[in-house]
Amino acid sequence: MMPYFWAGFYSNFSASNFYEPYTQQLYSCPYTFVPIIWFAVFDFQYKKEEFMKNSDHYELGLLNLGISKFTFVQWLLYSFWQSFMIYLICTYPYEENGGSYWLEGSFVYSSVVILANLKILSDASCIDFWILFWVAFSIGCFMVMELIMNFFPSSEMYGII
């Protein structure tokens, strides 16, 4: 949602949609849901037997050393910076050439979907067929939805592609 915030500065917070509304509603479900679930359930830093033998792996969690207020603020600032860079990189070329607001929004949204899935992939300890499949599936769902929305006259994306 942060690129939406940066777009608000450009549009003087006019409450206009930056993303296509139907596509925006699908972000959490098909575009990022499955790779995150696969990552959470099937990705292990160590083999299961190692966790049973060595209880030191649980020490960070038990002593609450895994996250702090400083770490939280650090990640929050990192997300602000990353969203700002996504917004600038995706909108600047269109601004120079008289692009449309919807096209810019589509480009920003596609960048967010792709980068979110690639972040899941980069954090995986074990990259196997299934994590690659689900990441490709999520990105593919987005691309197919963009293509479908291009053919509906009621869509804000009609005729852009």
Foldseek 3Di string as FASTA:
>chain_A
DLLVVVVCVVVVVPPDDLEWVVLVVCCCPLLQPVLVVCQVPPFDLDDPVVVVVDVVVCVCVVVVVPDDPVNVVVVVVVVNVVSVVLLCVQCVVCVVVVHDSHNSSLSSVLVVSLVSLVVSVVPGNDDDPVSVVSNVRSSVVSVVVLVVLCPDPVIPNPVVD
